[in-house]
Amino acid sequence: MSNIKVRARITLLPSEESSRTLPVRGSYRPNHNFGAADSGDMEVGFIEFAEGESLHPGETIEREITFWFRPGLNEVLVPGRAWRIQEGTQLVGIGTVLKILDESD
């Protein structure tokens, strides 16, 4: 397998809580942390925004995310599972898996 695609609810924290002041747009690739807050084990996941579309701090959307596969990832990517969305070590948002869409080679 090379990737897993999920439908997720993504909430960017308000600027006061995350220090992120600008919206995200285009191809956004933050760190995805399914472990403890101090865990350094991050997943690679891509969130694509259409031309002219963006997500501002404090907003929530539903979006597809494509994660690069690694052994054990499909065990944590289950509907209802929440995770930390980070830029480096800074928490900027929360994701919640809504549905598994595709597990492909």
PDB file of N, CA and C in Angstrom:
ATOM      1  N   MET A   1       0.836  -1.196   0.000  1.00  0.00           N
ATOM      2  CA  MET A   1       0.000   0.000   0.000  1.00  0.00           C
ATOM      3  C   MET A   1       0.873   1.247   0.000  1.00  0.00           C
ATOM      4  N   SER A   2       0.419   2.272  -0.696  1.00  0.00           N
ATOM      5  CA  SER A   2       1.192   3.506  -0.713  1.00  0.00           C
ATOM      6  C   SER A   2       0.462   4.674  -0.060  1.00  0.00           C
ATOM      7  N   ASN A   3      -0.880   4.598   0.072  1.00  0.00           N
ATOM      8  CA  ASN A   3      -1.576   5.688   0.737  1.00  0.00           C
ATOM      9  C   ASN A   3      -2.933   5.238   1.246  1.00  0.00           C
ATOM     10  N   ILE A   4      -3.486   6.029   2.133  1.00  0.00           N
ATOM     11  CA  ILE A   4      -4.830   5.825   2.668  1.00  0.00           C
ATOM     12  C   ILE A   4      -5.539   7.163   2.586  1.00  0.00           C
ATOM     13  N   LYS A   5      -6.728   7.173   2.002  1.00  0.00           N
ATOM     14  CA  LYS A   5      -7.496   8.401   1.869  1.00  0.00           C
ATOM     15  C   LYS A   5      -8.695   8.331   2.814  1.00  0.00           C
ATOM     16  N   VAL A   6      -8.904   9.429   3.578  1.00  0.00           N
ATOM     17  CA  VAL A   6     -10.032   9.495   4.505  1.00  0.00           C
ATOM     18  C   VAL A   6     -10.801  10.786   4.295  1.00  0.00           C
ATOM     19  N   ARG A   7     -12.047  10.780   4.712  1.00  0.00           N
ATOM     20  CA  ARG A   7     -12.844  12.007   4.823  1.00  0.00           C
ATOM     21  C   ARG A   7     -12.731  12.395   6.286  1.00  0.00           C
ATOM     22  N   ALA A   8     -12.416  13.660   6.539  1.00  0.00           N
ATOM     23  CA  ALA A   8     -12.185  14.098   7.914  1.00  0.00           C
ATOM     24  C   ALA A   8     -12.800  15.475   8.160  1.00  0.00           C
ATOM     25  N   ARG A   9     -13.105  15.723   9.416  1.00  0.00           N
ATOM     26  CA  ARG A   9     -13.482  17.063   9.861  1.00  0.00           C
ATOM     27  C   ARG A   9     -12.197  17.717  10.354  1.00  0.00           C
ATOM     28  N   ILE A  10     -11.912  18.894   9.836  1.00  0.00           N
ATOM     29  CA  ILE A  10     -10.685  19.604  10.193  1.00  0.00           C
ATOM     30  C   ILE A  10     -11.070  20.935  10.802  1.00  0.00           C
ATOM     31  N   THR A  11     -10.570  21.192  11.993  1.00  0.00           N
ATOM     32  CA  THR A  11     -10.802  22.462  12.663  1.00  0.00           C
ATOM     33  C   THR A  11      -9.458  23.130  12.903  1.00  0.00           C
ATOM     34  N   LEU A  12      -9.285  24.338  12.376  1.00  0.00           N
ATOM     35  CA  LEU A  12      -8.101  25.124  12.728  1.00  0.00           C
ATOM     36  C   LEU A  12      -8.434  25.886  14.000  1.00  0.00           C
ATOM     37  N   LEU A  13      -7.520  25.847  14.943  1.00  0.00           N
ATOM     38  CA  LEU A  13      -7.736  26.574  16.187  1.00  0.00           C
ATOM     39  C   LEU A  13      -7.725  28.080  15.921  1.00  0.00           C
ATOM     40  N   PRO A  14      -8.437  28.855  16.747  1.00  0.00           N
ATOM     41  CA  PRO A  14      -8.365  30.314  16.606  1.00  0.00           C
ATOM     42  C   PRO A  14      -6.921  30.792  16.784  1.00  0.00           C
ATOM     43  N   SER A  15      -6.591  31.920  16.193  1.00  0.00           N
ATOM     44  CA  SER A  15      -5.222  32.456  16.241  1.00  0.00           C
ATOM     45  C   SER A  15      -4.701  32.598  17.662  1.00  0.00           C
ATOM     46  N   GLU A  16      -5.584  32.964  18.601  1.00  0.00           N
ATOM     47  CA  GLU A  16      -5.149  33.147  19.998  1.00  0.00           C
ATOM     48  C   GLU A  16      -4.644  31.845  20.612  1.00  0.00           C
ATOM     49  N   GLU A  17      -5.129  30.717  20.104  1.00  0.00           N
ATOM     50  CA  GLU A  17      -4.748  29.423  20.661  1.00  0.00           C
ATOM     51  C   GLU A  17      -3.601  28.757  19.901  1.00  0.00           C
ATOM     52  N   SER A  18      -3.364  29.154  18.659  1.00  0.00           N
ATOM     53  CA  SER A  18      -2.361  28.448  17.859  1.00  0.00           C
ATOM     54  C   SER A  18      -1.251  29.338  17.331  1.00  0.00           C
ATOM     55  N   SER A  19      -1.442  30.618  17.364  1.00  0.00           N
ATOM     56  CA  SER A  19      -0.543  31.634  16.809  1.00  0.00           C
ATOM     57  C   SER A  19      -0.523  31.622  15.275  1.00  0.00           C
ATOM     58  N   ARG A  20      -1.349  30.799  14.644  1.00  0.00           N
ATOM     59  CA  ARG A  20      -1.481  30.829  13.172  1.00  0.00           C
ATOM     60  C   ARG A  20      -2.486  31.912  12.838  1.00  0.00           C
ATOM     61  N   THR A  21      -2.073  32.878  12.033  1.00  0.00           N
ATOM     62  CA  THR A  21      -2.950  34.001  11.700  1.00  0.00           C
ATOM     63  C   THR A  21      -3.449  33.969  10.258  1.00  0.00           C
ATOM     64  N   LEU A  22      -2.756  33.239   9.401  1.00  0.00           N
ATOM     65  CA  LEU A  22      -3.125  33.197   7.986  1.00  0.00           C
ATOM     66  C   LEU A  22      -3.944  31.955   7.667  1.00  0.00           C
ATOM     67  N   PRO A  23      -4.816  32.032   6.669  1.00  0.00           N
ATOM     68  CA  PRO A  23      -5.567  30.848   6.254  1.00  0.00           C
ATOM     69  C   PRO A  23      -4.651  29.863   5.528  1.00  0.00           C
ATOM     70  N   VAL A  24      -5.092  28.604   5.454  1.00  0.00           N
ATOM     71  CA  VAL A  24      -4.381  27.618   4.643  1.00  0.00           C
ATOM     72  C   VAL A  24      -5.114  27.496   3.320  1.00  0.00           C
ATOM     73  N   ARG A  25      -4.348  27.258   2.263  1.00  0.00           N
ATOM     74  CA  ARG A  25      -4.921  27.099   0.916  1.00  0.00           C
ATOM     75  C   ARG A  25      -3.966  26.283   0.085  1.00  0.00           C
ATOM     76  N   GLY A  26      -4.428  25.893  -1.110  1.00  0.00           N
ATOM     77  CA  GLY A  26      -3.577  25.106  -2.011  1.00  0.00           C
ATOM     78  C   GLY A  26      -3.347  23.713  -1.476  1.00  0.00           C
ATOM     79  N   SER A  27      -2.113  23.259  -1.533  1.00  0.00           N
ATOM     80  CA  SER A  27      -1.732  21.951  -1.013  1.00  0.00           C
ATOM     81  C   SER A  27      -1.098  22.155   0.358  1.00  0.00           C
ATOM     82  N   TYR A  28      -1.802  21.741   1.394  1.00  0.00           N
ATOM     83  CA  TYR A  28      -1.374  21.950   2.782  1.00  0.00           C
ATOM     84  C   TYR A  28      -0.892  20.620   3.347  1.00  0.00           C
ATOM     85  N   ARG A  29       0.320  20.617   3.878  1.00  0.00           N
ATOM     86  CA  ARG A  29       0.912  19.384   4.399  1.00  0.00           C
ATOM     87  C   ARG A  29       1.455  19.597   5.809  1.00  0.00           C
ATOM     88  N   PRO A  30       0.554  19.692   6.784  1.00  0.00           N
ATOM     89  CA  PRO A  30       1.015  19.819   8.170  1.00  0.00           C
ATOM     90  C   PRO A  30       1.446  18.455   8.707  1.00  0.00           C
ATOM     91  N   ASN A  31       1.950  18.436   9.930  1.00  0.00           N
ATOM     92  CA  ASN A  31       2.234  17.185  10.622  1.00  0.00           C
ATOM     93  C   ASN A  31       0.930  16.665  11.219  1.00  0.00           C
ATOM     94  N   HIS A  32       0.745  15.349  11.192  1.00  0.00           N
ATOM     95  CA  HIS A  32      -0.443  14.724  11.761  1.00  0.00           C
ATOM     96  C   HIS A  32       0.027  13.818  12.896  1.00  0.00           C
ATOM     97  N   ASN A  33      -0.375  14.159  14.123  1.00  0.00           N
ATOM     98  CA  ASN A  33       0.108  13.482  15.321  1.00  0.00           C
ATOM     99  C   ASN A  33      -1.021  12.660  15.926  1.00  0.00           C
ATOM    100  N   PHE A  34      -0.934  11.327  15.821  1.00  0.00           N
ATOM    101  CA  PHE A  34      -1.929  10.434  16.391  1.00  0.00           C
ATOM    102  C   PHE A  34      -1.524   9.940  17.774  1.00  0.00           C
ATOM    103  N   GLY A  35      -0.355  10.379  18.253  1.00  0.00           N
ATOM    104  CA  GLY A  35       0.131   9.953  19.570  1.00  0.00           C
ATOM    105  C   GLY A  35      -0.131  11.006  20.624  1.00  0.00           C
ATOM    106  N   ALA A  36       0.644  10.940  21.683  1.00  0.00           N
ATOM    107  CA  ALA A  36       0.540  11.896  22.783  1.00  0.00           C
ATOM    108  C   ALA A  36       1.003  13.273  22.315  1.00  0.00           C
ATOM    109  N   ALA A  37       0.617  14.291  23.045  1.00  0.00           N
ATOM    110  CA  ALA A  37       0.956  15.665  22.673  1.00  0.00           C
ATOM    111  C   ALA A  37       2.458  15.866  22.485  1.00  0.00           C
ATOM    112  N   ASP A  38       3.269  15.149  23.233  1.00  0.00           N
ATOM    113  CA  ASP A  38       4.719  15.313  23.133  1.00  0.00           C
ATOM    114  C   ASP A  38       5.364  14.287  22.192  1.00  0.00           C
ATOM    115  N   SER A  39       4.542  13.529  21.467  1.00  0.00           N
ATOM    116  CA  SER A  39       5.073  12.516  20.559  1.00  0.00           C
ATOM    117  C   SER A  39       5.748  13.160  19.357  1.00  0.00           C
ATOM    118  N   GLY A  40       6.877  12.623  18.973  1.00  0.00           N
ATOM    119  CA  GLY A  40       7.576  13.097  17.781  1.00  0.00           C
ATOM    120  C   GLY A  40       7.244  12.265  16.556  1.00  0.00           C
ATOM    121  N   ASP A  41       6.394  11.247  16.731  1.00  0.00           N
ATOM    122  CA  ASP A  41       5.999  10.394  15.611  1.00  0.00           C
ATOM    123  C   ASP A  41       4.859  11.057  14.853  1.00  0.00           C
ATOM    124  N   MET A  42       5.156  11.582  13.677  1.00  0.00           N
ATOM    125  CA  MET A  42       4.175  12.300  12.876  1.00  0.00           C
ATOM    126  C   MET A  42       3.899  11.538  11.587  1.00  0.00           C
ATOM    127  N   GLU A  43       2.694  11.681  11.086  1.00  0.00           N
ATOM    128  CA  GLU A  43       2.300  11.092   9.821  1.00  0.00           C
ATOM    129  C   GLU A  43       2.362  12.154   8.732  1.00  0.00           C
ATOM    130  N   VAL A  44       2.573  11.702   7.497  1.00  0.00           N
ATOM    131  CA  VAL A  44       2.558  12.598   6.347  1.00  0.00           C
ATOM    132  C   VAL A  44       1.166  12.520   5.730  1.00  0.00           C
ATOM    133  N   GLY A  45       0.497  13.667   5.655  1.00  0.00           N
ATOM    134  CA  GLY A  45      -0.834  13.720   5.073  1.00  0.00           C
ATOM    135  C   GLY A  45      -1.021  15.006   4.295  1.00  0.00           C
ATOM    136  N   PHE A  46      -1.733  14.909   3.182  1.00  0.00           N
ATOM    137  CA  PHE A  46      -1.943  16.049   2.287  1.00  0.00           C
ATOM    138  C   PHE A  46      -3.407  16.451   2.293  1.00  0.00           C
ATOM    139  N   ILE A  47      -3.650  17.743   2.436  1.00  0.00           N
ATOM    140  CA  ILE A  47      -4.991  18.308   2.369  1.00  0.00           C
ATOM    141  C   ILE A  47      -4.987  19.269   1.186  1.00  0.00           C
ATOM    142  N   GLU A  48      -5.821  18.982   0.207  1.00  0.00           N
ATOM    143  CA  GLU A  48      -5.862  19.797  -1.011  1.00  0.00           C
ATOM    144  C   GLU A  48      -7.062  20.745  -0.986  1.00  0.00           C
ATOM    145  N   PHE A  49      -6.813  22.001  -1.299  1.00  0.00           N
ATOM    146  CA  PHE A  49      -7.858  23.009  -1.414  1.00  0.00           C
ATOM    147  C   PHE A  49      -7.965  23.442  -2.870  1.00  0.00           C
ATOM    148  N   ALA A  50      -9.189  23.581  -3.354  1.00  0.00           N
ATOM    149  CA  ALA A  50      -9.419  24.025  -4.727  1.00  0.00           C
ATOM    150  C   ALA A  50      -8.975  25.480  -4.876  1.00  0.00           C
ATOM    151  N   GLU A  51      -8.748  25.894  -6.109  1.00  0.00           N
ATOM    152  CA  GLU A  51      -8.381  27.278  -6.421  1.00  0.00           C
ATOM    153  C   GLU A  51      -9.384  28.231  -5.758  1.00  0.00           C
ATOM    154  N   GLY A  52      -8.873  29.184  -4.986  1.00  0.00           N
ATOM    155  CA  GLY A  52      -9.718  30.182  -4.334  1.00  0.00           C
ATOM    156  C   GLY A  52     -10.340  29.732  -3.027  1.00  0.00           C
ATOM    157  N   GLU A  53     -10.153  28.476  -2.657  1.00  0.00           N
ATOM    158  CA  GLU A  53     -10.711  27.950  -1.414  1.00  0.00           C
ATOM    159  C   GLU A  53      -9.669  28.045  -0.312  1.00  0.00           C
ATOM    160  N   SER A  54     -10.106  28.313   0.932  1.00  0.00           N
ATOM    161  CA  SER A  54      -9.163  28.406   2.043  1.00  0.00           C
ATOM    162  C   SER A  54      -9.862  28.029   3.347  1.00  0.00           C
ATOM    163  N   LEU A  55      -9.081  27.809   4.371  1.00  0.00           N
ATOM    164  CA  LEU A  55      -9.566  27.519   5.717  1.00  0.00           C
ATOM    165  C   LEU A  55      -8.869  28.490   6.659  1.00  0.00           C
ATOM    166  N   HIS A  56      -9.656  29.298   7.348  1.00  0.00           N
ATOM    167  CA  HIS A  56      -9.123  30.317   8.256  1.00  0.00           C
ATOM    168  C   HIS A  56      -9.073  29.797   9.687  1.00  0.00           C
ATOM    169  N   PRO A  57      -8.162  30.338  10.504  1.00  0.00           N
ATOM    170  CA  PRO A  57      -8.148  29.970  11.921  1.00  0.00           C
ATOM    171  C   PRO A  57      -9.537  30.164  12.529  1.00  0.00           C
ATOM    172  N   GLY A  58      -9.952  29.183  13.323  1.00  0.00           N
ATOM    173  CA  GLY A  58     -11.259  29.212  13.954  1.00  0.00           C
ATOM    174  C   GLY A  58     -12.360  28.557  13.139  1.00  0.00           C
ATOM    175  N   GLU A  59     -12.068  28.147  11.893  1.00  0.00           N
ATOM    176  CA  GLU A  59     -13.077  27.530  11.032  1.00  0.00           C
ATOM    177  C   GLU A  59     -12.945  26.007  11.014  1.00  0.00           C
ATOM    178  N   THR A  60     -14.043  25.349  10.620  1.00  0.00           N
ATOM    179  CA  THR A  60     -14.093  23.894  10.493  1.00  0.00           C
ATOM    180  C   THR A  60     -14.633  23.545   9.112  1.00  0.00           C
ATOM    181  N   ILE A  61     -14.042  22.521   8.485  1.00  0.00           N
ATOM    182  CA  ILE A  61     -14.526  22.011   7.194  1.00  0.00           C
ATOM    183  C   ILE A  61     -14.455  20.489   7.204  1.00  0.00           C
ATOM    184  N   GLU A  62     -15.101  19.880   6.232  1.00  0.00           N
ATOM    185  CA  GLU A  62     -14.898  18.462   5.948  1.00  0.00           C
ATOM    186  C   GLU A  62     -14.097  18.379   4.661  1.00  0.00           C
ATOM    187  N   ARG A  63     -13.099  17.494   4.641  1.00  0.00           N
ATOM    188  CA  ARG A  63     -12.182  17.431   3.507  1.00  0.00           C
ATOM    189  C   ARG A  63     -11.569  16.047   3.424  1.00  0.00           C
ATOM    190  N   GLU A  64     -11.145  15.663   2.227  1.00  0.00           N
ATOM    191  CA  GLU A  64     -10.379  14.440   2.045  1.00  0.00           C
ATOM    192  C   GLU A  64      -8.919  14.706   2.407  1.00  0.00           C
ATOM    193  N   ILE A  65      -8.311  13.738   3.056  1.00  0.00           N
ATOM    194  CA  ILE A  65      -6.885  13.793   3.379  1.00  0.00           C
ATOM    195  C   ILE A  65      -6.265  12.501   2.888  1.00  0.00           C
ATOM    196  N   THR A  66      -5.134  12.609   2.221  1.00  0.00           N
ATOM    197  CA  THR A  66      -4.397  11.440   1.770  1.00  0.00           C
ATOM    198  C   THR A  66      -3.160  11.292   2.651  1.00  0.00           C
ATOM    199  N   PHE A  67      -3.075  10.146   3.337  1.00  0.00           N
ATOM    200  CA  PHE A  67      -1.921   9.846   4.196  1.00  0.00           C
ATOM    201  C   PHE A  67      -1.018   8.860   3.486  1.00  0.00           C
ATOM    202  N   TRP A  68       0.293   9.098   3.588  1.00  0.00           N
ATOM    203  CA  TRP A  68       1.239   8.104   3.106  1.00  0.00           C
ATOM    204  C   TRP A  68       1.144   6.908   4.029  1.00  0.00           C
ATOM    205  N   PHE A  69       1.049   5.729   3.447  1.00  0.00           N
ATOM    206  CA  PHE A  69       0.907   4.506   4.233  1.00  0.00           C
ATOM    207  C   PHE A  69       2.193   4.193   4.984  1.00  0.00           C
ATOM    208  N   ARG A  70       2.004   3.699   6.194  1.00  0.00           N
ATOM    209  CA  ARG A  70       3.084   3.078   6.966  1.00  0.00           C
ATOM    210  C   ARG A  70       2.442   1.944   7.754  1.00  0.00           C
ATOM    211  N   PRO A  71       3.180   0.906   8.077  1.00  0.00           N
ATOM    212  CA  PRO A  71       2.604  -0.198   8.846  1.00  0.00           C
ATOM    213  C   PRO A  71       1.958   0.313  10.136  1.00  0.00           C
ATOM    214  N   GLY A  72       0.738  -0.137  10.398  1.00  0.00           N
ATOM    215  CA  GLY A  72       0.022   0.253  11.614  1.00  0.00           C
ATOM    216  C   GLY A  72      -0.862   1.475  11.461  1.00  0.00           C
ATOM    217  N   LEU A  73      -0.696   2.257  10.387  1.00  0.00           N
ATOM    218  CA  LEU A  73      -1.495   3.475  10.226  1.00  0.00           C
ATOM    219  C   LEU A  73      -2.977   3.150  10.077  1.00  0.00           C
ATOM    220  N   ASN A  74      -3.282   2.089   9.328  1.00  0.00           N
ATOM    221  CA  ASN A  74      -4.693   1.742   9.137  1.00  0.00           C
ATOM    222  C   ASN A  74      -5.374   1.342  10.448  1.00  0.00           C
ATOM    223  N   GLU A  75      -4.602   1.033  11.484  1.00  0.00           N
ATOM    224  CA  GLU A  75      -5.168   0.698  12.782  1.00  0.00           C
ATOM    225  C   GLU A  75      -5.599   1.941  13.561  1.00  0.00           C
ATOM    226  N   VAL A  76      -4.972   3.090  13.297  1.00  0.00           N
ATOM    227  CA  VAL A  76      -5.362   4.325  14.000  1.00  0.00           C
ATOM    228  C   VAL A  76      -6.324   5.170  13.181  1.00  0.00           C
ATOM    229  N   LEU A  77      -6.372   4.948  11.875  1.00  0.00           N
ATOM    230  CA  LEU A  77      -7.299   5.698  11.025  1.00  0.00           C
ATOM    231  C   LEU A  77      -8.649   4.995  10.994  1.00  0.00           C
ATOM    232  N   VAL A  78      -9.420   5.200  12.031  1.00  0.00           N
ATOM    233  CA  VAL A  78     -10.743   4.601  12.144  1.00  0.00           C
ATOM    234  C   VAL A  78     -11.753   5.719  12.390  1.00  0.00           C
ATOM    235  N   PRO A  79     -12.978   5.561  11.882  1.00  0.00           N
ATOM    236  CA  PRO A  79     -13.994   6.596  12.094  1.00  0.00           C
ATOM    237  C   PRO A  79     -14.140   6.960  13.571  1.00  0.00           C
ATOM    238  N   GLY A  80     -14.182   8.254  13.831  1.00  0.00           N
ATOM    239  CA  GLY A  80     -14.290   8.772  15.186  1.00  0.00           C
ATOM    240  C   GLY A  80     -12.960   9.136  15.819  1.00  0.00           C
ATOM    241  N   ARG A  81     -11.868   8.682  15.244  1.00  0.00           N
ATOM    242  CA  ARG A  81     -10.536   8.949  15.814  1.00  0.00           C
ATOM    243  C   ARG A  81     -10.138  10.399  15.578  1.00  0.00           C
ATOM    244  N   ALA A  82      -9.759  11.092  16.641  1.00  0.00           N
ATOM    245  CA  ALA A  82      -9.276  12.473  16.547  1.00  0.00           C
ATOM    246  C   ALA A  82      -7.753  12.474  16.628  1.00  0.00           C
ATOM    247  N   TRP A  83      -7.137  13.501  16.046  1.00  0.00           N
ATOM    248  CA  TRP A  83      -5.685  13.656  16.101  1.00  0.00           C
ATOM    249  C   TRP A  83      -5.320  15.128  16.070  1.00  0.00           C
ATOM    250  N   ARG A  84      -4.070  15.383  16.402  1.00  0.00           N
ATOM    251  CA  ARG A  84      -3.532  16.742  16.452  1.00  0.00           C
ATOM    252  C   ARG A  84      -2.943  17.107  15.091  1.00  0.00           C
ATOM    253  N   ILE A  85      -3.273  18.282  14.599  1.00  0.00           N
ATOM    254  CA  ILE A  85      -2.676  18.814  13.372  1.00  0.00           C
ATOM    255  C   ILE A  85      -1.664  19.859  13.828  1.00  0.00           C
ATOM    256  N   GLN A  86      -0.420  19.664  13.435  1.00  0.00           N
ATOM    257  CA  GLN A  86       0.664  20.511  13.925  1.00  0.00           C
ATOM    258  C   GLN A  86       1.489  21.076  12.785  1.00  0.00           C
ATOM    259  N   GLU A  87       2.081  22.221  13.045  1.00  0.00           N
ATOM    260  CA  GLU A  87       3.107  22.806  12.182  1.00  0.00           C
ATOM    261  C   GLU A  87       4.369  22.793  13.021  1.00  0.00           C
ATOM    262  N   GLY A  88       5.242  21.855  12.718  1.00  0.00           N
ATOM    263  CA  GLY A  88       6.378  21.615  13.602  1.00  0.00           C
ATOM    264  C   GLY A  88       5.819  21.057  14.898  1.00  0.00           C
ATOM    265  N   THR A  89       6.153  21.668  16.022  1.00  0.00           N
ATOM    266  CA  THR A  89       5.626  21.219  17.312  1.00  0.00           C
ATOM    267  C   THR A  89       4.401  22.014  17.745  1.00  0.00           C
ATOM    268  N   GLN A  90       4.024  23.030  16.975  1.00  0.00           N
ATOM    269  CA  GLN A  90       2.901  23.915  17.328  1.00  0.00           C
ATOM    270  C   GLN A  90       1.558  23.306  16.917  1.00  0.00           C
ATOM    271  N   LEU A  91       0.664  23.126  17.887  1.00  0.00           N
ATOM    272  CA  LEU A  91      -0.686  22.644  17.603  1.00  0.00           C
ATOM    273  C   LEU A  91      -1.463  23.745  16.889  1.00  0.00           C
ATOM    274  N   VAL A  92      -1.991  23.438  15.690  1.00  0.00           N
ATOM    275  CA  VAL A  92      -2.763  24.426  14.932  1.00  0.00           C
ATOM    276  C   VAL A  92      -4.189  23.974  14.666  1.00  0.00           C
ATOM    277  N   GLY A  93      -4.466  22.678  14.876  1.00  0.00           N
ATOM    278  CA  GLY A  93      -5.813  22.204  14.602  1.00  0.00           C
ATOM    279  C   GLY A  93      -6.043  20.799  15.098  1.00  0.00           C
ATOM    280  N   ILE A  94      -7.292  20.375  14.910  1.00  0.00           N
ATOM    281  CA  ILE A  94      -7.714  19.028  15.289  1.00  0.00           C
ATOM    282  C   ILE A  94      -8.414  18.402  14.095  1.00  0.00           C
ATOM    283  N   GLY A  95      -8.096  17.153  13.833  1.00  0.00           N
ATOM    284  CA  GLY A  95      -8.777  16.401  12.780  1.00  0.00           C
ATOM    285  C   GLY A  95      -9.546  15.255  13.396  1.00  0.00           C
ATOM    286  N   THR A  96     -10.646  14.872  12.757  1.00  0.00           N
ATOM    287  CA  THR A  96     -11.421  13.709  13.182  1.00  0.00           C
ATOM    288  C   THR A  96     -11.782  12.895  11.949  1.00  0.00           C
ATOM    289  N   VAL A  97     -11.436  11.611  11.970  1.00  0.00           N
ATOM    290  CA  VAL A  97     -11.754  10.724  10.847  1.00  0.00           C
ATOM    291  C   VAL A  97     -13.268  10.519  10.808  1.00  0.00           C
ATOM    292  N   LEU A  98     -13.868  10.795   9.648  1.00  0.00           N
ATOM    293  CA  LEU A  98     -15.295  10.548   9.452  1.00  0.00           C
ATOM    294  C   LEU A  98     -15.547   9.241   8.715  1.00  0.00           C
ATOM    295  N   LYS A  99     -14.681   8.950   7.718  1.00  0.00           N
ATOM    296  CA  LYS A  99     -14.888   7.770   6.878  1.00  0.00           C
ATOM    297  C   LYS A  99     -13.593   7.398   6.171  1.00  0.00           C
ATOM    298  N   ILE A 100     -13.324   6.121   6.041  1.00  0.00           N
ATOM    299  CA  ILE A 100     -12.198   5.642   5.238  1.00  0.00           C
ATOM    300  C   ILE A 100     -12.693   5.585   3.805  1.00  0.00           C
ATOM    301  N   LEU A 101     -12.007   6.256   2.884  1.00  0.00           N
ATOM    302  CA  LEU A 101     -12.429   6.314   1.485  1.00  0.00           C
ATOM    303  C   LEU A 101     -11.694   5.331   0.593  1.00  0.00           C
ATOM    304  N   ASP A 102     -10.379   5.158   0.845  1.00  0.00           N
ATOM    305  CA  ASP A 102      -9.595   4.346  -0.079  1.00  0.00           C
ATOM    306  C   ASP A 102      -8.304   3.913   0.577  1.00  0.00           C
ATOM    307  N   GLU A 103      -7.964   2.667   0.369  1.00  0.00           N
ATOM    308  CA  GLU A 103      -6.648   2.136   0.735  1.00  0.00           C
ATOM    309  C   GLU A 103      -6.115   1.547  -0.557  1.00  0.00           C
ATOM    310  N   SER A 104      -5.113   2.216  -1.154  1.00  0.00           N
ATOM    311  CA  SER A 104      -4.657   1.759  -2.471  1.00  0.00           C
ATOM    312  C   SER A 104      -3.171   1.473  -2.498  1.00  0.00           C
ATOM    313  N   ASP A 105      -2.790   0.709  -3.510  1.00  0.00           N
ATOM    314  CA  ASP A 105      -1.374   0.362  -3.714  1.00  0.00           C
ATOM    315  C   ASP A 105      -0.656   1.475  -4.424  1.00  0.00           C
TER     316      ASP A 105
END
